[in-house]
Amino acid sequence: MIDSFVQNHKLSKSAHEEIMAMAHLDEDVAFYFHKREMEMTEKIYELLVNNGFEGKNLMERVHICIGLIDNLCHEIVYHRHDGLDYNVMTDICVDTIVGI
């Protein structure tokens, strides 16, 4: 899933930045993104439940995990800070998600 998110973020940095700026400035665009974000959360939630995952606050935990993956992708694709090991960062993100 992380690799898929990274590839989607690599499609076009400038397009991604413009779309994010539009989402911050335009309520209709923001509504669309929030709606799609919740649709993704619900689909992953349903997939987990259908595969035997149950637990308290699963929807919220899924939503947090999506945010962690999205932030990791931004670091990997756009930020690339010197001195950070992105393989280690990915492992930490996965470990954190497993713990959630």
PDB file of N, CA and C in Angstrom:
ATOM      1  N   MET A   1       0.830  -1.192   0.000  1.00  0.00           N
ATOM      2  CA  MET A   1       0.000   0.000   0.000  1.00  0.00           C
ATOM      3  C   MET A   1       0.875   1.257   0.000  1.00  0.00           C
ATOM      4  N   ILE A   2       1.947   1.223   0.791  1.00  0.00           N
ATOM      5  CA  ILE A   2       2.837   2.386   0.844  1.00  0.00           C
ATOM      6  C   ILE A   2       3.460   2.621  -0.528  1.00  0.00           C
ATOM      7  N   ASP A   3       3.926   1.559  -1.187  1.00  0.00           N
ATOM      8  CA  ASP A   3       4.525   1.711  -2.516  1.00  0.00           C
ATOM      9  C   ASP A   3       3.534   2.319  -3.504  1.00  0.00           C
ATOM     10  N   SER A   4       2.276   1.905  -3.421  1.00  0.00           N
ATOM     11  CA  SER A   4       1.241   2.447  -4.299  1.00  0.00           C
ATOM     12  C   SER A   4       1.025   3.942  -4.042  1.00  0.00           C
ATOM     13  N   PHE A   5       0.977   4.319  -2.770  1.00  0.00           N
ATOM     14  CA  PHE A   5       0.822   5.735  -2.419  1.00  0.00           C
ATOM     15  C   PHE A   5       2.014   6.547  -2.928  1.00  0.00           C
ATOM     16  N   VAL A   6       3.230   6.019  -2.768  1.00  0.00           N
ATOM     17  CA  VAL A   6       4.431   6.724  -3.231  1.00  0.00           C
ATOM     18  C   VAL A   6       4.351   6.933  -4.737  1.00  0.00           C
ATOM     19  N   GLN A   7       3.993   5.901  -5.479  1.00  0.00           N
ATOM     20  CA  GLN A   7       3.902   6.024  -6.932  1.00  0.00           C
ATOM     21  C   GLN A   7       2.865   7.067  -7.339  1.00  0.00           C
ATOM     22  N   ASN A   8       1.735   7.107  -6.650  1.00  0.00           N
ATOM     23  CA  ASN A   8       0.719   8.121  -6.954  1.00  0.00           C
ATOM     24  C   ASN A   8       1.241   9.524  -6.681  1.00  0.00           C
ATOM     25  N   HIS A   9       2.019   9.690  -5.629  1.00  0.00           N
ATOM     26  CA  HIS A   9       2.563  11.007  -5.314  1.00  0.00           C
ATOM     27  C   HIS A   9       3.641  11.422  -6.316  1.00  0.00           C
ATOM     28  N   LYS A  10       4.289  10.473  -6.952  1.00  0.00           N
ATOM     29  CA  LYS A  10       5.348  10.777  -7.911  1.00  0.00           C
ATOM     30  C   LYS A  10       4.813  11.217  -9.272  1.00  0.00           C
ATOM     31  N   LEU A  11       3.522  11.027  -9.521  1.00  0.00           N
ATOM     32  CA  LEU A  11       2.975  11.325 -10.848  1.00  0.00           C
ATOM     33  C   LEU A  11       3.255  12.755 -11.284  1.00  0.00           C
ATOM     34  N   SER A  12       3.032  13.713 -10.413  1.00  0.00           N
ATOM     35  CA  SER A  12       3.303  15.108 -10.758  1.00  0.00           C
ATOM     36  C   SER A  12       3.320  15.957  -9.494  1.00  0.00           C
ATOM     37  N   LYS A  13       4.516  16.355  -9.107  1.00  0.00           N
ATOM     38  CA  LYS A  13       4.666  17.168  -7.903  1.00  0.00           C
ATOM     39  C   LYS A  13       3.911  18.489  -8.038  1.00  0.00           C
ATOM     40  N   SER A  14       4.060  19.157  -9.162  1.00  0.00           N
ATOM     41  CA  SER A  14       3.418  20.465  -9.323  1.00  0.00           C
ATOM     42  C   SER A  14       1.898  20.331  -9.328  1.00  0.00           C
ATOM     43  N   ALA A  15       1.378  19.292  -9.970  1.00  0.00           N
ATOM     44  CA  ALA A  15      -0.074  19.087  -9.979  1.00  0.00           C
ATOM     45  C   ALA A  15      -0.572  18.807  -8.567  1.00  0.00           C
ATOM     46  N   HIS A  16       0.159  17.994  -7.820  1.00  0.00           N
ATOM     47  CA  HIS A  16      -0.228  17.688  -6.447  1.00  0.00           C
ATOM     48  C   HIS A  16      -0.259  18.952  -5.595  1.00  0.00           C
ATOM     49  N   GLU A  17       0.766  19.783  -5.728  1.00  0.00           N
ATOM     50  CA  GLU A  17       0.819  21.019  -4.942  1.00  0.00           C
ATOM     51  C   GLU A  17      -0.328  21.960  -5.312  1.00  0.00           C
ATOM     52  N   GLU A  18      -0.641  22.060  -6.590  1.00  0.00           N
ATOM     53  CA  GLU A  18      -1.741  22.932  -7.010  1.00  0.00           C
ATOM     54  C   GLU A  18      -3.081  22.422  -6.511  1.00  0.00           C
ATOM     55  N   ILE A  19      -3.276  21.118  -6.579  1.00  0.00           N
ATOM     56  CA  ILE A  19      -4.533  20.542  -6.107  1.00  0.00           C
ATOM     57  C   ILE A  19      -4.677  20.748  -4.603  1.00  0.00           C
ATOM     58  N   MET A  20      -3.584  20.561  -3.860  1.00  0.00           N
ATOM     59  CA  MET A  20      -3.643  20.759  -2.409  1.00  0.00           C
ATOM     60  C   MET A  20      -3.921  22.233  -2.078  1.00  0.00           C
ATOM     61  N   ALA A  21      -3.308  23.136  -2.828  1.00  0.00           N
ATOM     62  CA  ALA A  21      -3.566  24.562  -2.624  1.00  0.00           C
ATOM     63  C   ALA A  21      -5.034  24.877  -2.914  1.00  0.00           C
ATOM     64  N   MET A  22      -5.575  24.300  -3.969  1.00  0.00           N
ATOM     65  CA  MET A  22      -6.988  24.518  -4.292  1.00  0.00           C
ATOM     66  C   MET A  22      -7.880  23.985  -3.180  1.00  0.00           C
ATOM     67  N   ALA A  23      -7.497  22.848  -2.599  1.00  0.00           N
ATOM     68  CA  ALA A  23      -8.293  22.265  -1.519  1.00  0.00           C
ATOM     69  C   ALA A  23      -8.311  23.176  -0.292  1.00  0.00           C
ATOM     70  N   HIS A  24      -7.235  23.932  -0.096  1.00  0.00           N
ATOM     71  CA  HIS A  24      -7.179  24.860   1.031  1.00  0.00           C
ATOM     72  C   HIS A  24      -7.942  26.160   0.761  1.00  0.00           C
ATOM     73  N   LEU A  25      -8.113  26.483  -0.507  1.00  0.00           N
ATOM     74  CA  LEU A  25      -8.724  27.760  -0.870  1.00  0.00           C
ATOM     75  C   LEU A  25     -10.177  27.660  -1.324  1.00  0.00           C
ATOM     76  N   ASP A  26     -10.593  26.490  -1.752  1.00  0.00           N
ATOM     77  CA  ASP A  26     -11.921  26.330  -2.334  1.00  0.00           C
ATOM     78  C   ASP A  26     -12.701  25.286  -1.542  1.00  0.00           C
ATOM     79  N   GLU A  27     -13.823  25.678  -0.980  1.00  0.00           N
ATOM     80  CA  GLU A  27     -14.621  24.773  -0.152  1.00  0.00           C
ATOM     81  C   GLU A  27     -15.125  23.558  -0.931  1.00  0.00           C
ATOM     82  N   ASP A  28     -15.479  23.750  -2.193  1.00  0.00           N
ATOM     83  CA  ASP A  28     -15.966  22.630  -3.005  1.00  0.00           C
ATOM     84  C   ASP A  28     -14.864  21.601  -3.247  1.00  0.00           C
ATOM     85  N   VAL A  29     -13.667  22.079  -3.543  1.00  0.00           N
ATOM     86  CA  VAL A  29     -12.537  21.172  -3.749  1.00  0.00           C
ATOM     87  C   VAL A  29     -12.204  20.465  -2.437  1.00  0.00           C
ATOM     88  N   ALA A  30     -12.206  21.201  -1.348  1.00  0.00           N
ATOM     89  CA  ALA A  30     -11.937  20.607  -0.030  1.00  0.00           C
ATOM     90  C   ALA A  30     -12.978  19.542   0.297  1.00  0.00           C
ATOM     91  N   PHE A  31     -14.239  19.833   0.019  1.00  0.00           N
ATOM     92  CA  PHE A  31     -15.311  18.870   0.266  1.00  0.00           C
ATOM     93  C   PHE A  31     -15.065  17.576  -0.511  1.00  0.00           C
ATOM     94  N   TYR A  32     -14.672  17.708  -1.779  1.00  0.00           N
ATOM     95  CA  TYR A  32     -14.398  16.539  -2.612  1.00  0.00           C
ATOM     96  C   TYR A  32     -13.279  15.698  -1.999  1.00  0.00           C
ATOM     97  N   PHE A  33     -12.179  16.356  -1.587  1.00  0.00           N
ATOM     98  CA  PHE A  33     -11.056  15.620  -1.007  1.00  0.00           C
ATOM     99  C   PHE A  33     -11.432  14.956   0.305  1.00  0.00           C
ATOM    100  N   HIS A  34     -12.170  15.647   1.135  1.00  0.00           N
ATOM    101  CA  HIS A  34     -12.602  15.060   2.405  1.00  0.00           C
ATOM    102  C   HIS A  34     -13.524  13.863   2.154  1.00  0.00           C
ATOM    103  N   LYS A  35     -14.374  14.000   1.157  1.00  0.00           N
ATOM    104  CA  LYS A  35     -15.291  12.910   0.812  1.00  0.00           C
ATOM    105  C   LYS A  35     -14.500  11.696   0.328  1.00  0.00           C
ATOM    106  N   ARG A  36     -13.541  11.901  -0.562  1.00  0.00           N
ATOM    107  CA  ARG A  36     -12.727  10.800  -1.089  1.00  0.00           C
ATOM    108  C   ARG A  36     -11.886  10.164   0.021  1.00  0.00           C
ATOM    109  N   GLU A  37     -11.394  10.987   0.927  1.00  0.00           N
ATOM    110  CA  GLU A  37     -10.611  10.482   2.052  1.00  0.00           C
ATOM    111  C   GLU A  37     -11.459   9.562   2.928  1.00  0.00           C
ATOM    112  N   MET A  38     -12.681   9.954   3.184  1.00  0.00           N
ATOM    113  CA  MET A  38     -13.572   9.113   3.993  1.00  0.00           C
ATOM    114  C   MET A  38     -13.997   7.858   3.235  1.00  0.00           C
ATOM    115  N   GLU A  39     -14.176   7.965   1.918  1.00  0.00           N
ATOM    116  CA  GLU A  39     -14.500   6.783   1.123  1.00  0.00           C
ATOM    117  C   GLU A  39     -13.367   5.759   1.206  1.00  0.00           C
ATOM    118  N   MET A  40     -12.121   6.234   1.127  1.00  0.00           N
ATOM    119  CA  MET A  40     -10.978   5.345   1.245  1.00  0.00           C
ATOM    120  C   MET A  40     -10.928   4.722   2.639  1.00  0.00           C
ATOM    121  N   THR A  41     -11.167   5.524   3.661  1.00  0.00           N
ATOM    122  CA  THR A  41     -11.190   5.016   5.033  1.00  0.00           C
ATOM    123  C   THR A  41     -12.238   3.927   5.171  1.00  0.00           C
ATOM    124  N   GLU A  42     -13.431   4.173   4.655  1.00  0.00           N
ATOM    125  CA  GLU A  42     -14.525   3.201   4.761  1.00  0.00           C
ATOM    126  C   GLU A  42     -14.223   1.917   3.992  1.00  0.00           C
ATOM    127  N   LYS A  43     -13.610   2.032   2.804  1.00  0.00           N
ATOM    128  CA  LYS A  43     -13.282   0.838   2.015  1.00  0.00           C
ATOM    129  C   LYS A  43     -12.243  -0.019   2.727  1.00  0.00           C
ATOM    130  N   ILE A  44     -11.235   0.608   3.282  1.00  0.00           N
ATOM    131  CA  ILE A  44     -10.206  -0.149   4.000  1.00  0.00           C
ATOM    132  C   ILE A  44     -10.805  -0.761   5.260  1.00  0.00           C
ATOM    133  N   TYR A  45     -11.646  -0.004   5.947  1.00  0.00           N
ATOM    134  CA  TYR A  45     -12.336  -0.525   7.133  1.00  0.00           C
ATOM    135  C   TYR A  45     -13.129  -1.784   6.772  1.00  0.00           C
ATOM    136  N   GLU A  46     -13.924  -1.701   5.710  1.00  0.00           N
ATOM    137  CA  GLU A  46     -14.736  -2.842   5.277  1.00  0.00           C
ATOM    138  C   GLU A  46     -13.865  -4.036   4.903  1.00  0.00           C
ATOM    139  N   LEU A  47     -12.763  -3.781   4.218  1.00  0.00           N
ATOM    140  CA  LEU A  47     -11.838  -4.841   3.843  1.00  0.00           C
ATOM    141  C   LEU A  47     -11.282  -5.532   5.086  1.00  0.00           C
ATOM    142  N   LEU A  48     -10.902  -4.749   6.080  1.00  0.00           N
ATOM    143  CA  LEU A  48     -10.370  -5.325   7.313  1.00  0.00           C
ATOM    144  C   LEU A  48     -11.426  -6.136   8.059  1.00  0.00           C
ATOM    145  N   VAL A  49     -12.629  -5.581   8.183  1.00  0.00           N
ATOM    146  CA  VAL A  49     -13.711  -6.283   8.877  1.00  0.00           C
ATOM    147  C   VAL A  49     -14.041  -7.589   8.141  1.00  0.00           C
ATOM    148  N   ASN A  50     -14.092  -7.536   6.814  1.00  0.00           N
ATOM    149  CA  ASN A  50     -14.402  -8.728   6.021  1.00  0.00           C
ATOM    150  C   ASN A  50     -13.313  -9.794   6.115  1.00  0.00           C
ATOM    151  N   ASN A  51     -12.133  -9.393   6.577  1.00  0.00           N
ATOM    152  CA  ASN A  51     -11.030 -10.340   6.725  1.00  0.00           C
ATOM    153  C   ASN A  51     -10.728 -10.648   8.187  1.00  0.00           C
ATOM    154  N   GLY A  52     -11.724 -10.413   9.040  1.00  0.00           N
ATOM    155  CA  GLY A  52     -11.616 -10.851  10.419  1.00  0.00           C
ATOM    156  C   GLY A  52     -11.080  -9.849  11.415  1.00  0.00           C
ATOM    157  N   PHE A  53     -10.772  -8.650  10.969  1.00  0.00           N
ATOM    158  CA  PHE A  53     -10.305  -7.630  11.909  1.00  0.00           C
ATOM    159  C   PHE A  53     -11.508  -6.993  12.580  1.00  0.00           C
ATOM    160  N   GLU A  54     -11.447  -6.937  13.865  1.00  0.00           N
ATOM    161  CA  GLU A  54     -12.475  -6.231  14.613  1.00  0.00           C
ATOM    162  C   GLU A  54     -11.773  -5.513  15.744  1.00  0.00           C
ATOM    163  N   GLY A  55     -12.416  -4.565  16.263  1.00  0.00           N
ATOM    164  CA  GLY A  55     -11.803  -3.878  17.384  1.00  0.00           C
ATOM    165  C   GLY A  55     -12.401  -2.522  17.596  1.00  0.00           C
ATOM    166  N   LYS A  56     -12.102  -2.032  18.756  1.00  0.00           N
ATOM    167  CA  LYS A  56     -12.610  -0.725  19.154  1.00  0.00           C
ATOM    168  C   LYS A  56     -11.971   0.363  18.296  1.00  0.00           C
ATOM    169  N   ASN A  57     -12.798   1.244  17.814  1.00  0.00           N
ATOM    170  CA  ASN A  57     -12.355   2.418  17.057  1.00  0.00           C
ATOM    171  C   ASN A  57     -11.559   2.073  15.790  1.00  0.00           C
ATOM    172  N   LEU A  58     -11.946   1.004  15.121  1.00  0.00           N
ATOM    173  CA  LEU A  58     -11.226   0.583  13.918  1.00  0.00           C
ATOM    174  C   LEU A  58     -11.275   1.650  12.831  1.00  0.00           C
ATOM    175  N   MET A  59     -12.416   2.289  12.645  1.00  0.00           N
ATOM    176  CA  MET A  59     -12.530   3.327  11.617  1.00  0.00           C
ATOM    177  C   MET A  59     -11.536   4.462  11.884  1.00  0.00           C
ATOM    178  N   GLU A  60     -11.444   4.880  13.133  1.00  0.00           N
ATOM    179  CA  GLU A  60     -10.528   5.967  13.490  1.00  0.00           C
ATOM    180  C   GLU A  60      -9.072   5.533  13.308  1.00  0.00           C
ATOM    181  N   ARG A  61      -8.783   4.290  13.680  1.00  0.00           N
ATOM    182  CA  ARG A  61      -7.415   3.797  13.532  1.00  0.00           C
ATOM    183  C   ARG A  61      -7.026   3.708  12.064  1.00  0.00           C
ATOM    184  N   VAL A  62      -7.958   3.267  11.216  1.00  0.00           N
ATOM    185  CA  VAL A  62      -7.697   3.220   9.772  1.00  0.00           C
ATOM    186  C   VAL A  62      -7.409   4.624   9.252  1.00  0.00           C
ATOM    187  N   HIS A  63      -8.197   5.588   9.669  1.00  0.00           N
ATOM    188  CA  HIS A  63      -8.025   6.961   9.194  1.00  0.00           C
ATOM    189  C   HIS A  63      -6.662   7.524   9.606  1.00  0.00           C
ATOM    190  N   ILE A  64      -6.245   7.239  10.818  1.00  0.00           N
ATOM    191  CA  ILE A  64      -4.923   7.679  11.281  1.00  0.00           C
ATOM    192  C   ILE A  64      -3.828   7.016  10.448  1.00  0.00           C
ATOM    193  N   CYS A  65      -3.977   5.747  10.159  1.00  0.00           N
ATOM    194  CA  CYS A  65      -2.980   5.033   9.362  1.00  0.00           C
ATOM    195  C   CYS A  65      -2.851   5.621   7.961  1.00  0.00           C
ATOM    196  N   ILE A  66      -3.957   5.978   7.359  1.00  0.00           N
ATOM    197  CA  ILE A  66      -3.916   6.617   6.038  1.00  0.00           C
ATOM    198  C   ILE A  66      -3.127   7.923   6.121  1.00  0.00           C
ATOM    199  N   GLY A  67      -3.357   8.697   7.177  1.00  0.00           N
ATOM    200  CA  GLY A  67      -2.619   9.944   7.363  1.00  0.00           C
ATOM    201  C   GLY A  67      -1.124   9.713   7.538  1.00  0.00           C
ATOM    202  N   LEU A  68      -0.750   8.672   8.269  1.00  0.00           N
ATOM    203  CA  LEU A  68       0.667   8.342   8.448  1.00  0.00           C
ATOM    204  C   LEU A  68       1.317   7.986   7.108  1.00  0.00           C
ATOM    205  N   ILE A  69       0.619   7.182   6.327  1.00  0.00           N
ATOM    206  CA  ILE A  69       1.155   6.785   5.023  1.00  0.00           C
ATOM    207  C   ILE A  69       1.267   7.988   4.097  1.00  0.00           C
ATOM    208  N   ASP A  70       0.273   8.853   4.106  1.00  0.00           N
ATOM    209  CA  ASP A  70       0.304  10.050   3.262  1.00  0.00           C
ATOM    210  C   ASP A  70       1.463  10.955   3.660  1.00  0.00           C
ATOM    211  N   ASN A  71       1.674  11.135   4.943  1.00  0.00           N
ATOM    212  CA  ASN A  71       2.784  11.963   5.412  1.00  0.00           C
ATOM    213  C   ASN A  71       4.126  11.342   5.029  1.00  0.00           C
ATOM    214  N   LEU A  72       4.254  10.032   5.174  1.00  0.00           N
ATOM    215  CA  LEU A  72       5.476   9.339   4.775  1.00  0.00           C
ATOM    216  C   LEU A  72       5.747   9.562   3.285  1.00  0.00           C
ATOM    217  N   CYS A  73       4.709   9.454   2.472  1.00  0.00           N
ATOM    218  CA  CYS A  73       4.868   9.663   1.029  1.00  0.00           C
ATOM    219  C   CYS A  73       5.347  11.075   0.718  1.00  0.00           C
ATOM    220  N   HIS A  74       4.824  12.057   1.418  1.00  0.00           N
ATOM    221  CA  HIS A  74       5.275  13.431   1.211  1.00  0.00           C
ATOM    222  C   HIS A  74       6.750  13.561   1.551  1.00  0.00           C
ATOM    223  N   GLU A  75       7.175  12.909   2.624  1.00  0.00           N
ATOM    224  CA  GLU A  75       8.593  12.932   2.999  1.00  0.00           C
ATOM    225  C   GLU A  75       9.445  12.275   1.921  1.00  0.00           C
ATOM    226  N   ILE A  76       9.031  11.113   1.457  1.00  0.00           N
ATOM    227  CA  ILE A  76       9.804  10.352   0.476  1.00  0.00           C
ATOM    228  C   ILE A  76       9.874  11.068  -0.867  1.00  0.00           C
ATOM    229  N   VAL A  77       8.755  11.593  -1.325  1.00  0.00           N
ATOM    230  CA  VAL A  77       8.685  12.139  -2.680  1.00  0.00           C
ATOM    231  C   VAL A  77       9.077  13.612  -2.738  1.00  0.00           C
ATOM    232  N   TYR A  78       8.626  14.420  -1.787  1.00  0.00           N
ATOM    233  CA  TYR A  78       8.786  15.864  -1.909  1.00  0.00           C
ATOM    234  C   TYR A  78       9.861  16.465  -1.021  1.00  0.00           C
ATOM    235  N   HIS A  79      10.047  15.964   0.174  1.00  0.00           N
ATOM    236  CA  HIS A  79      10.904  16.647   1.133  1.00  0.00           C
ATOM    237  C   HIS A  79      12.357  16.200   1.065  1.00  0.00           C
ATOM    238  N   ARG A  80      12.601  14.905   1.132  1.00  0.00           N
ATOM    239  CA  ARG A  80      13.936  14.308   1.021  1.00  0.00           C
ATOM    240  C   ARG A  80      14.982  15.061   1.840  1.00  0.00           C
ATOM    241  N   HIS A  81      14.842  15.051   3.139  1.00  0.00           N
ATOM    242  CA  HIS A  81      15.793  15.695   4.041  1.00  0.00           C
ATOM    243  C   HIS A  81      17.096  14.903   4.089  1.00  0.00           C
ATOM    244  N   ASP A  82      18.217  15.615   3.994  1.00  0.00           N
ATOM    245  CA  ASP A  82      19.506  14.963   4.156  1.00  0.00           C
ATOM    246  C   ASP A  82      19.603  14.414   5.574  1.00  0.00           C
ATOM    247  N   GLY A  83      20.211  13.267   5.698  1.00  0.00           N
ATOM    248  CA  GLY A  83      20.434  12.690   7.015  1.00  0.00           C
ATOM    249  C   GLY A  83      19.318  11.784   7.497  1.00  0.00           C
ATOM    250  N   LEU A  84      18.211  11.704   6.766  1.00  0.00           N
ATOM    251  CA  LEU A  84      17.135  10.793   7.158  1.00  0.00           C
ATOM    252  C   LEU A  84      17.198   9.543   6.278  1.00  0.00           C
ATOM    253  N   ASP A  85      17.058   8.405   6.904  1.00  0.00           N
ATOM    254  CA  ASP A  85      17.045   7.135   6.191  1.00  0.00           C
ATOM    255  C   ASP A  85      15.579   6.784   5.927  1.00  0.00           C
ATOM    256  N   TYR A  86      15.169   6.892   4.682  1.00  0.00           N
ATOM    257  CA  TYR A  86      13.759   6.708   4.345  1.00  0.00           C
ATOM    258  C   TYR A  86      13.323   5.240   4.405  1.00  0.00           C
ATOM    259  N   ASN A  87      14.266   4.322   4.290  1.00  0.00           N
ATOM    260  CA  ASN A  87      13.917   2.917   4.500  1.00  0.00           C
ATOM    261  C   ASN A  87      13.589   2.678   5.968  1.00  0.00           C
ATOM    262  N   VAL A  88      14.386   3.268   6.850  1.00  0.00           N
ATOM    263  CA  VAL A  88      14.107   3.162   8.284  1.00  0.00           C
ATOM    264  C   VAL A  88      12.786   3.850   8.603  1.00  0.00           C
ATOM    265  N   MET A  89      12.563   5.022   8.001  1.00  0.00           N
ATOM    266  CA  MET A  89      11.319   5.750   8.240  1.00  0.00           C
ATOM    267  C   MET A  89      10.111   4.921   7.804  1.00  0.00           C
ATOM    268  N   THR A  90      10.232   4.232   6.678  1.00  0.00           N
ATOM    269  CA  THR A  90       9.150   3.373   6.208  1.00  0.00           C
ATOM    270  C   THR A  90       8.911   2.230   7.183  1.00  0.00           C
ATOM    271  N   ASP A  91       9.997   1.613   7.658  1.00  0.00           N
ATOM    272  CA  ASP A  91       9.845   0.529   8.644  1.00  0.00           C
ATOM    273  C   ASP A  91       9.158   1.017   9.921  1.00  0.00           C
ATOM    274  N   ILE A  92       9.527   2.212  10.372  1.00  0.00           N
ATOM    275  CA  ILE A  92       8.886   2.777  11.574  1.00  0.00           C
ATOM    276  C   ILE A  92       7.409   3.016  11.335  1.00  0.00           C
ATOM    277  N   CYS A  93       7.073   3.513  10.139  1.00  0.00           N
ATOM    278  CA  CYS A  93       5.675   3.766   9.796  1.00  0.00           C
ATOM    279  C   CYS A  93       4.892   2.445   9.808  1.00  0.00           C
ATOM    280  N   VAL A  94       5.454   1.406   9.214  1.00  0.00           N
ATOM    281  CA  VAL A  94       4.786   0.099   9.189  1.00  0.00           C
ATOM    282  C   VAL A  94       4.623  -0.435  10.603  1.00  0.00           C
ATOM    283  N   ASP A  95       5.687  -0.349  11.407  1.00  0.00           N
ATOM    284  CA  ASP A  95       5.603  -0.827  12.801  1.00  0.00           C
ATOM    285  C   ASP A  95       4.538  -0.062  13.580  1.00  0.00           C
ATOM    286  N   THR A  96       4.457   1.238  13.346  1.00  0.00           N
ATOM    287  CA  THR A  96       3.460   2.070  14.023  1.00  0.00           C
ATOM    288  C   THR A  96       2.049   1.641  13.620  1.00  0.00           C
ATOM    289  N   ILE A  97       1.847   1.413  12.335  1.00  0.00           N
ATOM    290  CA  ILE A  97       0.529   0.986  11.841  1.00  0.00           C
ATOM    291  C   ILE A  97       0.153  -0.369  12.424  1.00  0.00           C
ATOM    292  N   VAL A  98       1.091  -1.288  12.461  1.00  0.00           N
ATOM    293  CA  VAL A  98       0.821  -2.614  13.031  1.00  0.00           C
ATOM    294  C   VAL A  98       0.422  -2.464  14.502  1.00  0.00           C
ATOM    295  N   GLY A  99       1.086  -1.547  15.196  1.00  0.00           N
ATOM    296  CA  GLY A  99       0.770  -1.303  16.610  1.00  0.00           C
ATOM    297  C   GLY A  99      -0.584  -0.646  16.846  1.00  0.00           C
ATOM    298  N   ILE A 100      -1.038   0.085  15.847  1.00  0.00           N
ATOM    299  CA  ILE A 100      -2.334   0.764  15.965  1.00  0.00           C
ATOM    300  C   ILE A 100      -3.433  -0.245  15.802  1.00  0.00           C
TER     301      ILE A 100
END
